[in-house]
Amino acid sequence: MLSILNPKYTIPLDNQNYLGAGWNYVLDYSWIYNNIKTYDNTQASTLIIFDVGCGKRSKLWKFIIDTLGIQVIRIDRRPIKGVIQVENFLNFKHPLQPDIIYWASSIEHNTMDEMKKLYLHSMDLLREGGLFLATIALSEETFWDERTKQTNLSLSDAMKVFDETCIEGNFYGTRDCYRKNYLNLKNKYKKRFGHFGDNDPSYIVGGVKKIK
């Protein structure tokens, strides 16, 4: 399922301190967290999660551990304390087979072809019945955004990358909610990029959810 994350209907995290610095993380993190929370909470203590591209600032992993008691293994390209450094995730192997792999606003920092390969490798790593989650940047057309160093995908290209056939939500209706400042997104965007013009935001947030 490819979901367009409408701030009007998003359930934010209980603790805003875990949201991080990103202007749109209230959507990314809350969507990922709530999908993990409802995945299989009867076996939370035995589940294993890979947080890929976790970055230095994100505290989502800590919120998951603190509230759900699930083991989170963090992975990133850069050397970060307590994080497994993997320069090329396509070569990554681990003795533990994860139940959940999530990419929180991270898989988008690759080309479209690379995203496809990273998605397929993630699915290979998951155990049967495992859950893949990724939040991505959606725009009217696919393009590389130099400001954010990410690929913004059109809906049709997002469907191709993630082998998806079903879309939940409306792109233009959701973008209008950003412009009406739901969850303070308009103000956060302006603070992040220094403006909010007639064509902003340049992208909105989508979520990809797949069961292996």
N, C-alpha and C. Protein backbone atom coordinates (compact mmCIF):
# COMPACT_ATOMS: atom_id res chain seq x y z
N MET A 1 0.84 -1.20 0.00
CA MET A 1 0.00 0.00 0.00
C MET A 1 0.88 1.25 0.00
N LEU A 2 0.58 2.18 -0.90
CA LEU A 2 1.21 3.49 -0.89
C LEU A 2 0.20 4.47 -0.30
N SER A 3 0.52 5.02 0.84
CA SER A 3 -0.38 5.95 1.52
C SER A 3 0.15 7.37 1.42
N ILE A 4 -0.73 8.31 1.09
CA ILE A 4 -0.40 9.72 1.11
C ILE A 4 -0.78 10.23 2.50
N LEU A 5 0.21 10.70 3.25
CA LEU A 5 0.00 10.98 4.67
C LEU A 5 -0.60 12.37 4.87
N ASN A 6 -1.88 12.37 5.09
CA ASN A 6 -2.62 13.62 5.26
C ASN A 6 -2.53 14.08 6.71
N PRO A 7 -1.98 15.28 6.95
CA PRO A 7 -1.82 15.74 8.34
C PRO A 7 -3.15 15.92 9.06
N LYS A 8 -4.22 16.04 8.30
CA LYS A 8 -5.54 16.21 8.90
C LYS A 8 -5.97 14.96 9.65
N TYR A 9 -5.45 13.80 9.22
CA TYR A 9 -5.88 12.53 9.81
C TYR A 9 -4.75 11.78 10.50
N THR A 10 -3.58 12.41 10.59
CA THR A 10 -2.44 11.75 11.21
C THR A 10 -2.55 11.82 12.73
N ILE A 11 -2.24 10.71 13.37
CA ILE A 11 -2.20 10.66 14.84
C ILE A 11 -0.75 10.89 15.26
N PRO A 12 -0.44 12.06 15.83
CA PRO A 12 0.95 12.33 16.22
C PRO A 12 1.42 11.42 17.35
N LEU A 13 2.72 11.36 17.53
CA LEU A 13 3.27 10.61 18.65
C LEU A 13 2.85 11.25 19.96
N ASP A 14 2.80 10.43 21.00
CA ASP A 14 2.41 10.94 22.31
C ASP A 14 3.43 11.92 22.86
N ASN A 15 4.69 11.72 22.55
CA ASN A 15 5.76 12.55 23.08
C ASN A 15 6.46 13.28 21.94
N GLN A 16 6.24 14.57 21.83
CA GLN A 16 6.78 15.36 20.73
C GLN A 16 8.31 15.45 20.78
N ASN A 17 8.92 15.16 21.92
CA ASN A 17 10.38 15.24 22.03
C ASN A 17 11.09 14.23 21.14
N TYR A 18 10.37 13.22 20.68
CA TYR A 18 10.98 12.18 19.87
C TYR A 18 10.88 12.47 18.36
N LEU A 19 10.31 13.59 17.99
CA LEU A 19 10.03 13.83 16.58
C LEU A 19 11.25 14.26 15.77
N GLY A 20 12.27 14.80 16.41
CA GLY A 20 13.44 15.20 15.65
C GLY A 20 13.29 16.55 15.00
N ALA A 21 14.26 16.90 14.15
CA ALA A 21 14.36 18.26 13.62
C ALA A 21 13.66 18.45 12.27
N GLY A 22 13.32 17.39 11.58
CA GLY A 22 12.74 17.52 10.24
C GLY A 22 11.39 18.23 10.25
N TRP A 23 11.14 19.03 9.26
CA TRP A 23 9.89 19.80 9.23
C TRP A 23 8.68 18.90 9.10
N ASN A 24 8.85 17.73 8.50
CA ASN A 24 7.74 16.82 8.24
C ASN A 24 7.76 15.57 9.10
N TYR A 25 8.65 15.50 10.07
CA TYR A 25 8.81 14.25 10.83
C TYR A 25 7.60 13.89 11.67
N VAL A 26 6.78 14.86 11.99
CA VAL A 26 5.56 14.54 12.73
C VAL A 26 4.71 13.55 11.93
N LEU A 27 4.81 13.59 10.61
CA LEU A 27 4.09 12.66 9.75
C LEU A 27 4.87 11.35 9.59
N ASP A 28 6.15 11.47 9.25
CA ASP A 28 6.99 10.27 9.04
C ASP A 28 6.98 9.38 10.27
N TYR A 29 7.34 9.96 11.39
CA TYR A 29 7.55 9.17 12.60
C TYR A 29 6.25 8.61 13.16
N SER A 30 5.20 9.43 13.17
CA SER A 30 3.94 8.94 13.73
C SER A 30 3.36 7.81 12.88
N TRP A 31 3.50 7.91 11.56
CA TRP A 31 2.98 6.86 10.67
C TRP A 31 3.75 5.56 10.89
N ILE A 32 5.08 5.65 10.93
CA ILE A 32 5.90 4.46 11.16
C ILE A 32 5.60 3.85 12.52
N TYR A 33 5.58 4.68 13.54
CA TYR A 33 5.36 4.19 14.90
C TYR A 33 4.01 3.48 15.02
N ASN A 34 2.97 4.08 14.50
CA ASN A 34 1.64 3.50 14.65
C ASN A 34 1.49 2.20 13.86
N ASN A 35 2.21 2.08 12.74
CA ASN A 35 2.20 0.80 12.00
C ASN A 35 2.95 -0.28 12.77
N ILE A 36 4.03 0.08 13.41
CA ILE A 36 4.77 -0.89 14.24
C ILE A 36 3.92 -1.29 15.44
N LYS A 37 3.29 -0.33 16.04
CA LYS A 37 2.48 -0.57 17.25
C LYS A 37 1.36 -1.56 16.99
N THR A 38 0.78 -1.51 15.80
CA THR A 38 -0.35 -2.39 15.49
C THR A 38 0.06 -3.66 14.75
N TYR A 39 1.36 -3.82 14.49
CA TYR A 39 1.83 -4.97 13.71
C TYR A 39 1.64 -6.29 14.46
N ASP A 40 2.24 -6.40 15.64
CA ASP A 40 2.14 -7.65 16.40
C ASP A 40 2.56 -7.36 17.84
N ASN A 41 1.75 -6.62 18.56
CA ASN A 41 2.15 -6.20 19.90
C ASN A 41 2.06 -7.33 20.93
N THR A 42 1.55 -8.50 20.52
CA THR A 42 1.49 -9.62 21.46
C THR A 42 2.86 -10.27 21.63
N GLN A 43 3.77 -10.01 20.69
CA GLN A 43 5.11 -10.61 20.75
C GLN A 43 6.19 -9.54 20.72
N ALA A 44 5.88 -8.36 21.23
CA ALA A 44 6.79 -7.22 21.12
C ALA A 44 8.19 -7.52 21.64
N SER A 45 8.29 -8.23 22.73
CA SER A 45 9.59 -8.46 23.36
C SER A 45 10.51 -9.34 22.52
N THR A 46 9.96 -10.08 21.57
CA THR A 46 10.78 -10.97 20.75
C THR A 46 11.00 -10.43 19.34
N LEU A 47 10.39 -9.33 18.99
CA LEU A 47 10.52 -8.76 17.66
C LEU A 47 11.86 -8.04 17.49
N ILE A 48 12.33 -7.98 16.25
CA ILE A 48 13.57 -7.29 15.92
C ILE A 48 13.29 -6.31 14.79
N ILE A 49 13.77 -5.09 14.97
CA ILE A 49 13.57 -4.03 13.97
C ILE A 49 14.92 -3.54 13.47
N PHE A 50 15.02 -3.31 12.16
CA PHE A 50 16.16 -2.59 11.58
C PHE A 50 15.69 -1.18 11.25
N ASP A 51 16.37 -0.19 11.82
CA ASP A 51 16.14 1.22 11.49
C ASP A 51 17.26 1.60 10.53
N VAL A 52 16.94 1.68 9.24
CA VAL A 52 17.98 1.90 8.22
C VAL A 52 18.04 3.38 7.85
N GLY A 53 19.27 3.91 7.87
CA GLY A 53 19.43 5.34 7.61
C GLY A 53 18.95 6.15 8.80
N CYS A 54 19.26 5.66 9.99
CA CYS A 54 18.70 6.25 11.21
C CYS A 54 19.16 7.67 11.47
N GLY A 55 20.36 8.00 11.00
CA GLY A 55 20.87 9.34 11.23
C GLY A 55 21.31 9.56 12.66
N LYS A 56 21.80 10.75 12.93
CA LYS A 56 22.34 11.08 14.24
C LYS A 56 21.30 11.67 15.16
N ARG A 57 20.29 12.36 14.60
CA ARG A 57 19.34 13.11 15.41
C ARG A 57 18.08 12.34 15.78
N SER A 58 17.74 11.36 15.00
CA SER A 58 16.47 10.66 15.21
C SER A 58 16.43 9.99 16.58
N LYS A 59 15.29 10.12 17.24
CA LYS A 59 15.06 9.44 18.51
C LYS A 59 13.86 8.50 18.41
N LEU A 60 13.41 8.27 17.19
CA LEU A 60 12.27 7.38 17.00
C LEU A 60 12.59 6.00 17.56
N TRP A 61 13.79 5.50 17.29
CA TRP A 61 14.20 4.17 17.76
C TRP A 61 14.08 4.07 19.29
N LYS A 62 14.47 5.14 19.99
CA LYS A 62 14.41 5.13 21.45
C LYS A 62 12.96 5.14 21.94
N PHE A 63 12.11 5.86 21.22
CA PHE A 63 10.70 5.89 21.58
C PHE A 63 10.08 4.51 21.40
N ILE A 64 10.46 3.81 20.35
CA ILE A 64 9.96 2.44 20.11
C ILE A 64 10.40 1.50 21.22
N ILE A 65 11.68 1.59 21.58
CA ILE A 65 12.19 0.75 22.66
C ILE A 65 11.49 1.06 23.98
N ASP A 66 11.39 2.35 24.30
CA ASP A 66 10.82 2.76 25.58
C ASP A 66 9.34 2.42 25.73
N THR A 67 8.59 2.54 24.64
CA THR A 67 7.14 2.36 24.73
C THR A 67 6.66 0.98 24.32
N LEU A 68 7.38 0.33 23.40
CA LEU A 68 6.93 -0.97 22.90
C LEU A 68 7.83 -2.13 23.32
N GLY A 69 9.02 -1.82 23.79
CA GLY A 69 9.93 -2.87 24.25
C GLY A 69 10.47 -3.74 23.15
N ILE A 70 10.57 -3.19 21.93
CA ILE A 70 11.06 -3.94 20.79
C ILE A 70 12.53 -3.61 20.54
N GLN A 71 13.33 -4.62 20.24
CA GLN A 71 14.75 -4.41 19.96
C GLN A 71 14.91 -3.70 18.61
N VAL A 72 15.65 -2.59 18.61
CA VAL A 72 15.89 -1.83 17.39
C VAL A 72 17.38 -1.80 17.09
N ILE A 73 17.76 -2.29 15.93
CA ILE A 73 19.14 -2.26 15.47
C ILE A 73 19.27 -1.13 14.46
N ARG A 74 20.13 -0.16 14.78
CA ARG A 74 20.25 1.04 13.93
C ARG A 74 21.40 0.88 12.94
N ILE A 75 21.16 1.36 11.73
CA ILE A 75 22.12 1.21 10.63
C ILE A 75 22.22 2.55 9.89
N ASP A 76 23.44 2.96 9.56
CA ASP A 76 23.61 4.21 8.82
C ASP A 76 24.92 4.17 8.04
N ARG A 77 25.02 5.02 7.04
CA ARG A 77 26.24 5.11 6.24
C ARG A 77 27.39 5.74 7.03
N ARG A 78 27.02 6.66 7.93
CA ARG A 78 28.02 7.43 8.66
C ARG A 78 28.39 6.76 9.98
N PRO A 79 29.59 7.05 10.47
CA PRO A 79 29.98 6.52 11.78
C PRO A 79 29.26 7.27 12.90
N ILE A 80 28.38 6.57 13.61
CA ILE A 80 27.61 7.15 14.71
C ILE A 80 27.68 6.19 15.89
N LYS A 81 27.89 6.69 17.05
CA LYS A 81 28.01 5.86 18.24
C LYS A 81 26.76 5.01 18.43
N GLY A 82 26.97 3.71 18.63
CA GLY A 82 25.86 2.79 18.87
C GLY A 82 25.14 2.34 17.61
N VAL A 83 25.66 2.74 16.45
CA VAL A 83 25.01 2.45 15.16
C VAL A 83 25.95 1.60 14.30
N ILE A 84 25.38 0.60 13.61
CA ILE A 84 26.17 -0.21 12.67
C ILE A 84 26.43 0.62 11.42
N GLN A 85 27.69 0.84 11.09
CA GLN A 85 28.03 1.60 9.89
C GLN A 85 28.09 0.67 8.69
N VAL A 86 27.26 0.98 7.69
CA VAL A 86 27.20 0.19 6.46
C VAL A 86 27.22 1.16 5.28
N GLU A 87 28.33 1.21 4.58
CA GLU A 87 28.46 2.17 3.48
C GLU A 87 27.52 1.83 2.33
N ASN A 88 27.30 0.54 2.09
CA ASN A 88 26.39 0.12 1.02
C ASN A 88 25.44 -0.93 1.59
N PHE A 89 24.20 -0.55 1.82
CA PHE A 89 23.23 -1.45 2.44
C PHE A 89 22.96 -2.67 1.58
N LEU A 90 23.21 -2.57 0.28
CA LEU A 90 22.98 -3.70 -0.61
C LEU A 90 23.90 -4.88 -0.28
N ASN A 91 25.00 -4.60 0.41
CA ASN A 91 25.93 -5.65 0.81
C ASN A 91 25.73 -6.08 2.26
N PHE A 92 24.72 -5.52 2.90
CA PHE A 92 24.55 -5.76 4.33
C PHE A 92 23.89 -7.11 4.62
N LYS A 93 24.49 -7.83 5.56
CA LYS A 93 23.92 -9.07 6.07
C LYS A 93 23.99 -9.03 7.59
N HIS A 94 23.10 -9.76 8.24
CA HIS A 94 23.06 -9.76 9.70
C HIS A 94 22.64 -11.14 10.18
N PRO A 95 23.20 -11.60 11.29
CA PRO A 95 22.83 -12.94 11.78
C PRO A 95 21.37 -13.05 12.22
N LEU A 96 20.76 -11.91 12.59
CA LEU A 96 19.36 -11.90 13.00
C LEU A 96 18.47 -11.53 11.83
N GLN A 97 17.37 -12.23 11.67
CA GLN A 97 16.43 -11.93 10.59
C GLN A 97 15.35 -11.00 11.16
N PRO A 98 15.23 -9.78 10.64
CA PRO A 98 14.32 -8.80 11.24
C PRO A 98 12.85 -9.11 10.94
N ASP A 99 12.01 -8.70 11.88
CA ASP A 99 10.57 -8.77 11.70
C ASP A 99 10.07 -7.52 10.98
N ILE A 100 10.77 -6.41 11.21
CA ILE A 100 10.38 -5.12 10.63
C ILE A 100 11.64 -4.39 10.16
N ILE A 101 11.57 -3.83 8.99
CA ILE A 101 12.59 -2.89 8.51
C ILE A 101 11.89 -1.59 8.17
N TYR A 102 12.40 -0.49 8.73
CA TYR A 102 11.82 0.80 8.34
C TYR A 102 12.91 1.78 7.91
N TRP A 103 12.53 2.59 6.95
CA TRP A 103 13.36 3.69 6.45
C TRP A 103 12.57 4.98 6.71
N ALA A 104 12.95 5.70 7.74
CA ALA A 104 12.23 6.93 8.10
C ALA A 104 12.88 8.12 7.40
N SER A 105 12.25 8.57 6.33
CA SER A 105 12.75 9.72 5.58
C SER A 105 14.23 9.53 5.21
N SER A 106 14.58 8.32 4.76
CA SER A 106 15.99 8.03 4.46
C SER A 106 16.21 7.36 3.11
N ILE A 107 15.32 6.45 2.71
CA ILE A 107 15.52 5.75 1.44
C ILE A 107 15.45 6.73 0.27
N GLU A 108 14.79 7.87 0.48
CA GLU A 108 14.64 8.88 -0.56
C GLU A 108 15.96 9.57 -0.90
N HIS A 109 16.98 9.43 -0.05
CA HIS A 109 18.27 10.07 -0.30
C HIS A 109 19.14 9.19 -1.21
N ASN A 110 18.50 8.70 -2.24
CA ASN A 110 19.14 7.85 -3.25
C ASN A 110 18.46 8.12 -4.58
N THR A 111 19.08 7.65 -5.66
CA THR A 111 18.42 7.77 -6.96
C THR A 111 17.24 6.80 -7.01
N MET A 112 16.40 6.98 -8.00
CA MET A 112 15.24 6.12 -8.16
C MET A 112 15.65 4.66 -8.33
N ASP A 113 16.66 4.40 -9.15
CA ASP A 113 17.13 3.03 -9.36
C ASP A 113 17.69 2.43 -8.08
N GLU A 114 18.42 3.24 -7.32
CA GLU A 114 18.98 2.77 -6.05
C GLU A 114 17.88 2.44 -5.04
N MET A 115 16.85 3.28 -5.02
CA MET A 115 15.73 3.03 -4.10
C MET A 115 15.09 1.68 -4.39
N LYS A 116 14.93 1.38 -5.66
CA LYS A 116 14.35 0.10 -6.05
C LYS A 116 15.19 -1.06 -5.50
N LYS A 117 16.50 -0.97 -5.67
CA LYS A 117 17.39 -2.04 -5.21
C LYS A 117 17.38 -2.15 -3.69
N LEU A 118 17.35 -1.02 -3.00
CA LEU A 118 17.33 -1.02 -1.54
C LEU A 118 16.04 -1.61 -1.00
N TYR A 119 14.94 -1.31 -1.68
CA TYR A 119 13.65 -1.88 -1.29
C TYR A 119 13.67 -3.41 -1.46
N LEU A 120 14.16 -3.89 -2.60
CA LEU A 120 14.19 -5.33 -2.86
C LEU A 120 15.12 -6.05 -1.88
N HIS A 121 16.24 -5.42 -1.55
CA HIS A 121 17.16 -6.04 -0.59
C HIS A 121 16.53 -6.08 0.81
N SER A 122 15.82 -5.04 1.16
CA SER A 122 15.12 -5.02 2.45
C SER A 122 14.12 -6.16 2.53
N MET A 123 13.38 -6.38 1.46
CA MET A 123 12.40 -7.46 1.44
C MET A 123 13.09 -8.82 1.55
N ASP A 124 14.26 -8.95 0.94
CA ASP A 124 15.02 -10.21 1.04
C ASP A 124 15.45 -10.49 2.48
N LEU A 125 15.83 -9.43 3.20
CA LEU A 125 16.32 -9.59 4.57
C LEU A 125 15.21 -9.95 5.55
N LEU A 126 13.99 -9.49 5.29
CA LEU A 126 12.87 -9.72 6.21
C LEU A 126 12.52 -11.20 6.32
N ARG A 127 12.07 -11.59 7.48
CA ARG A 127 11.51 -12.94 7.63
C ARG A 127 10.18 -13.00 6.90
N GLU A 128 9.71 -14.19 6.62
CA GLU A 128 8.41 -14.35 5.97
C GLU A 128 7.33 -13.77 6.88
N GLY A 129 6.50 -12.93 6.31
CA GLY A 129 5.46 -12.25 7.10
C GLY A 129 5.94 -10.96 7.72
N GLY A 130 7.22 -10.60 7.45
CA GLY A 130 7.80 -9.39 8.01
C GLY A 130 7.22 -8.14 7.37
N LEU A 131 7.47 -7.01 8.02
CA LEU A 131 6.88 -5.73 7.63
C LEU A 131 7.95 -4.77 7.13
N PHE A 132 7.75 -4.22 5.93
CA PHE A 132 8.60 -3.17 5.37
C PHE A 132 7.86 -1.85 5.44
N LEU A 133 8.51 -0.82 5.98
CA LEU A 133 7.92 0.51 6.05
C LEU A 133 8.94 1.53 5.55
N ALA A 134 8.48 2.48 4.76
CA ALA A 134 9.35 3.57 4.32
C ALA A 134 8.52 4.81 4.10
N THR A 135 9.02 5.94 4.56
CA THR A 135 8.38 7.20 4.22
C THR A 135 9.20 7.85 3.12
N ILE A 136 8.51 8.43 2.14
CA ILE A 136 9.16 8.96 0.95
C ILE A 136 8.60 10.34 0.61
N ALA A 137 9.33 11.06 -0.23
CA ALA A 137 8.90 12.38 -0.69
C ALA A 137 8.13 12.22 -2.00
N LEU A 138 6.90 12.73 -2.03
CA LEU A 138 6.05 12.65 -3.22
C LEU A 138 5.84 14.04 -3.82
N SER A 139 5.97 14.13 -5.13
CA SER A 139 5.76 15.39 -5.83
C SER A 139 5.00 15.14 -7.13
N GLU A 140 4.66 16.20 -7.82
CA GLU A 140 3.92 16.04 -9.07
C GLU A 140 4.75 15.32 -10.12
N GLU A 141 6.05 15.61 -10.14
CA GLU A 141 6.97 14.96 -11.07
C GLU A 141 8.20 14.47 -10.31
N THR A 142 8.83 13.45 -10.82
CA THR A 142 10.04 12.93 -10.19
C THR A 142 11.22 13.85 -10.49
N PHE A 143 11.96 14.22 -9.46
CA PHE A 143 13.15 15.04 -9.66
C PHE A 143 14.07 14.94 -8.45
N TRP A 144 15.36 15.23 -8.68
CA TRP A 144 16.34 15.27 -7.61
C TRP A 144 16.30 16.66 -7.00
N ASP A 145 16.08 16.74 -5.69
CA ASP A 145 16.02 18.01 -4.98
C ASP A 145 17.38 18.27 -4.35
N GLU A 146 18.10 19.24 -4.90
CA GLU A 146 19.45 19.51 -4.44
C GLU A 146 19.46 20.06 -3.01
N ARG A 147 18.41 20.79 -2.63
CA ARG A 147 18.37 21.35 -1.27
C ARG A 147 18.37 20.26 -0.21
N THR A 148 17.59 19.23 -0.44
CA THR A 148 17.42 18.17 0.55
C THR A 148 18.21 16.90 0.21
N LYS A 149 18.89 16.92 -0.95
CA LYS A 149 19.68 15.76 -1.40
C LYS A 149 18.82 14.49 -1.44
N GLN A 150 17.67 14.61 -2.10
CA GLN A 150 16.77 13.47 -2.14
C GLN A 150 16.03 13.42 -3.47
N THR A 151 15.54 12.23 -3.81
CA THR A 151 14.70 12.05 -4.99
C THR A 151 13.24 12.18 -4.57
N ASN A 152 12.56 13.14 -5.15
CA ASN A 152 11.12 13.29 -4.94
C ASN A 152 10.41 12.53 -6.05
N LEU A 153 9.56 11.59 -5.68
CA LEU A 153 8.94 10.69 -6.65
C LEU A 153 7.53 11.13 -7.00
N SER A 154 7.19 11.00 -8.28
CA SER A 154 5.79 11.13 -8.68
C SER A 154 5.06 9.88 -8.19
N LEU A 155 3.74 9.95 -8.17
CA LEU A 155 2.97 8.79 -7.71
C LEU A 155 3.23 7.58 -8.60
N SER A 156 3.28 7.79 -9.90
CA SER A 156 3.48 6.66 -10.81
C SER A 156 4.85 6.03 -10.63
N ASP A 157 5.88 6.86 -10.42
CA ASP A 157 7.23 6.31 -10.22
C ASP A 157 7.35 5.64 -8.86
N ALA A 158 6.68 6.18 -7.85
CA ALA A 158 6.69 5.54 -6.53
C ALA A 158 6.07 4.15 -6.62
N MET A 159 5.03 4.03 -7.40
CA MET A 159 4.38 2.72 -7.57
C MET A 159 5.35 1.73 -8.24
N LYS A 160 6.13 2.22 -9.20
CA LYS A 160 7.09 1.36 -9.90
C LYS A 160 8.20 0.92 -8.95
N VAL A 161 8.73 1.85 -8.18
CA VAL A 161 9.85 1.55 -7.30
C VAL A 161 9.48 0.48 -6.28
N PHE A 162 8.27 0.60 -5.72
CA PHE A 162 7.89 -0.28 -4.62
C PHE A 162 6.88 -1.37 -5.03
N ASP A 163 6.81 -1.64 -6.33
CA ASP A 163 5.95 -2.72 -6.83
C ASP A 163 4.54 -2.62 -6.25
N GLU A 164 3.97 -1.42 -6.32
CA GLU A 164 2.69 -1.19 -5.68
C GLU A 164 1.60 -0.98 -6.72
N THR A 165 0.38 -1.34 -6.36
CA THR A 165 -0.76 -1.19 -7.27
C THR A 165 -1.89 -0.38 -6.65
N CYS A 166 -1.76 -0.05 -5.36
CA CYS A 166 -2.86 0.61 -4.66
C CYS A 166 -2.38 1.88 -3.97
N ILE A 167 -3.13 2.97 -4.17
CA ILE A 167 -2.83 4.25 -3.51
C ILE A 167 -3.96 4.60 -2.55
N GLU A 168 -3.59 5.02 -1.36
CA GLU A 168 -4.55 5.47 -0.37
C GLU A 168 -4.35 6.97 -0.15
N GLY A 169 -5.38 7.76 -0.42
CA GLY A 169 -5.29 9.20 -0.21
C GLY A 169 -5.25 9.98 -1.50
N ASN A 170 -5.31 11.30 -1.37
CA ASN A 170 -5.35 12.21 -2.52
C ASN A 170 -4.19 13.19 -2.43
N PHE A 171 -3.38 13.24 -3.47
CA PHE A 171 -2.18 14.08 -3.46
C PHE A 171 -2.52 15.56 -3.28
N TYR A 172 -3.40 16.08 -4.13
CA TYR A 172 -3.67 17.52 -4.12
C TYR A 172 -4.46 17.94 -2.88
N GLY A 173 -5.37 17.10 -2.45
CA GLY A 173 -6.12 17.42 -1.24
C GLY A 173 -5.21 17.45 -0.02
N THR A 174 -4.24 16.52 0.00
CA THR A 174 -3.29 16.47 1.11
C THR A 174 -2.35 17.67 1.07
N ARG A 175 -1.87 18.02 -0.11
CA ARG A 175 -0.98 19.18 -0.22
C ARG A 175 -1.68 20.45 0.23
N ASP A 176 -2.97 20.54 -0.03
CA ASP A 176 -3.75 21.69 0.40
C ASP A 176 -3.80 21.78 1.92
N CYS A 177 -3.81 20.62 2.58
CA CYS A 177 -3.79 20.62 4.05
C CYS A 177 -2.46 21.14 4.58
N TYR A 178 -1.37 20.83 3.88
CA TYR A 178 -0.08 21.41 4.27
C TYR A 178 -0.15 22.93 4.18
N ARG A 179 -0.76 23.42 3.10
CA ARG A 179 -0.81 24.86 2.87
C ARG A 179 -1.74 25.57 3.85
N LYS A 180 -2.68 24.82 4.39
CA LYS A 180 -3.57 25.38 5.41
C LYS A 180 -2.96 25.27 6.81
N ASN A 181 -1.75 24.75 6.87
CA ASN A 181 -0.93 24.74 8.08
C ASN A 181 -1.38 23.72 9.13
N TYR A 182 -1.99 22.61 8.69
CA TYR A 182 -2.29 21.54 9.63
C TYR A 182 -0.99 21.05 10.27
N LEU A 183 -1.02 20.82 11.57
CA LEU A 183 0.13 20.37 12.36
C LEU A 183 1.32 21.33 12.22
N ASN A 184 1.03 22.58 11.87
CA ASN A 184 2.07 23.61 11.78
C ASN A 184 3.09 23.32 10.68
N LEU A 185 2.71 22.52 9.68
CA LEU A 185 3.67 22.10 8.65
C LEU A 185 4.12 23.27 7.77
N LYS A 186 3.21 24.18 7.47
CA LYS A 186 3.57 25.33 6.63
C LYS A 186 4.64 26.18 7.32
N ASN A 187 4.44 26.44 8.60
CA ASN A 187 5.41 27.24 9.34
C ASN A 187 6.74 26.54 9.48
N LYS A 188 6.70 25.21 9.70
CA LYS A 188 7.94 24.44 9.83
C LYS A 188 8.71 24.42 8.51
N TYR A 189 7.98 24.30 7.41
CA TYR A 189 8.60 24.29 6.08
C TYR A 189 9.28 25.64 5.83
N LYS A 190 8.57 26.71 6.16
CA LYS A 190 9.12 28.05 5.96
C LYS A 190 10.38 28.26 6.80
N LYS A 191 10.37 27.75 8.01
CA LYS A 191 11.54 27.87 8.88
C LYS A 191 12.70 27.06 8.32
N ARG A 192 12.40 25.89 7.73
CA ARG A 192 13.45 25.01 7.20
C ARG A 192 14.07 25.58 5.93
N PHE A 193 13.22 26.10 5.02
CA PHE A 193 13.72 26.52 3.70
C PHE A 193 13.72 28.03 3.49
N GLY A 194 13.18 28.78 4.43
CA GLY A 194 13.23 30.24 4.34
C GLY A 194 12.13 30.87 3.52
N HIS A 195 11.18 30.06 3.04
CA HIS A 195 10.09 30.61 2.22
C HIS A 195 8.94 29.61 2.18
N PHE A 196 7.80 30.08 1.77
CA PHE A 196 6.67 29.21 1.44
C PHE A 196 5.86 29.92 0.36
N GLY A 197 6.22 29.60 -0.91
CA GLY A 197 5.60 30.27 -2.05
C GLY A 197 4.39 29.54 -2.58
N ASP A 198 3.91 30.00 -3.72
CA ASP A 198 2.71 29.43 -4.32
C ASP A 198 2.90 27.97 -4.74
N ASN A 199 4.12 27.58 -5.01
CA ASN A 199 4.39 26.20 -5.46
C ASN A 199 4.87 25.29 -4.33
N ASP A 200 4.89 25.81 -3.12
CA ASP A 200 5.34 25.01 -1.98
C ASP A 200 4.16 24.32 -1.30
N PRO A 201 4.43 23.20 -0.61
CA PRO A 201 5.73 22.54 -0.49
C PRO A 201 6.10 21.83 -1.78
N SER A 202 7.41 21.66 -2.00
CA SER A 202 7.86 20.99 -3.22
C SER A 202 7.54 19.50 -3.18
N TYR A 203 7.31 18.98 -1.98
CA TYR A 203 6.94 17.57 -1.85
C TYR A 203 6.08 17.38 -0.61
N ILE A 204 5.31 16.31 -0.60
CA ILE A 204 4.56 15.91 0.58
C ILE A 204 5.01 14.50 0.96
N VAL A 205 4.50 13.98 2.06
CA VAL A 205 5.01 12.72 2.58
C VAL A 205 4.12 11.55 2.20
N GLY A 206 4.75 10.50 1.70
CA GLY A 206 4.05 9.25 1.44
C GLY A 206 4.63 8.14 2.29
N GLY A 207 3.83 7.09 2.51
CA GLY A 207 4.30 5.96 3.28
C GLY A 207 4.07 4.67 2.51
N VAL A 208 5.09 3.83 2.47
CA VAL A 208 4.99 2.53 1.79
C VAL A 208 4.97 1.43 2.83
N LYS A 209 3.96 0.59 2.78
CA LYS A 209 3.80 -0.51 3.73
C LYS A 209 3.65 -1.81 2.95
N LYS A 210 4.55 -2.76 3.20
CA LYS A 210 4.51 -4.04 2.50
C LYS A 210 4.71 -5.18 3.49
N ILE A 211 4.00 -6.26 3.29
CA ILE A 211 4.18 -7.49 4.05
C ILE A 211 4.85 -8.51 3.14
N LYS A 212 5.93 -9.12 3.61
CA LYS A 212 6.64 -10.10 2.80
C LYS A 212 5.83 -11.40 2.69
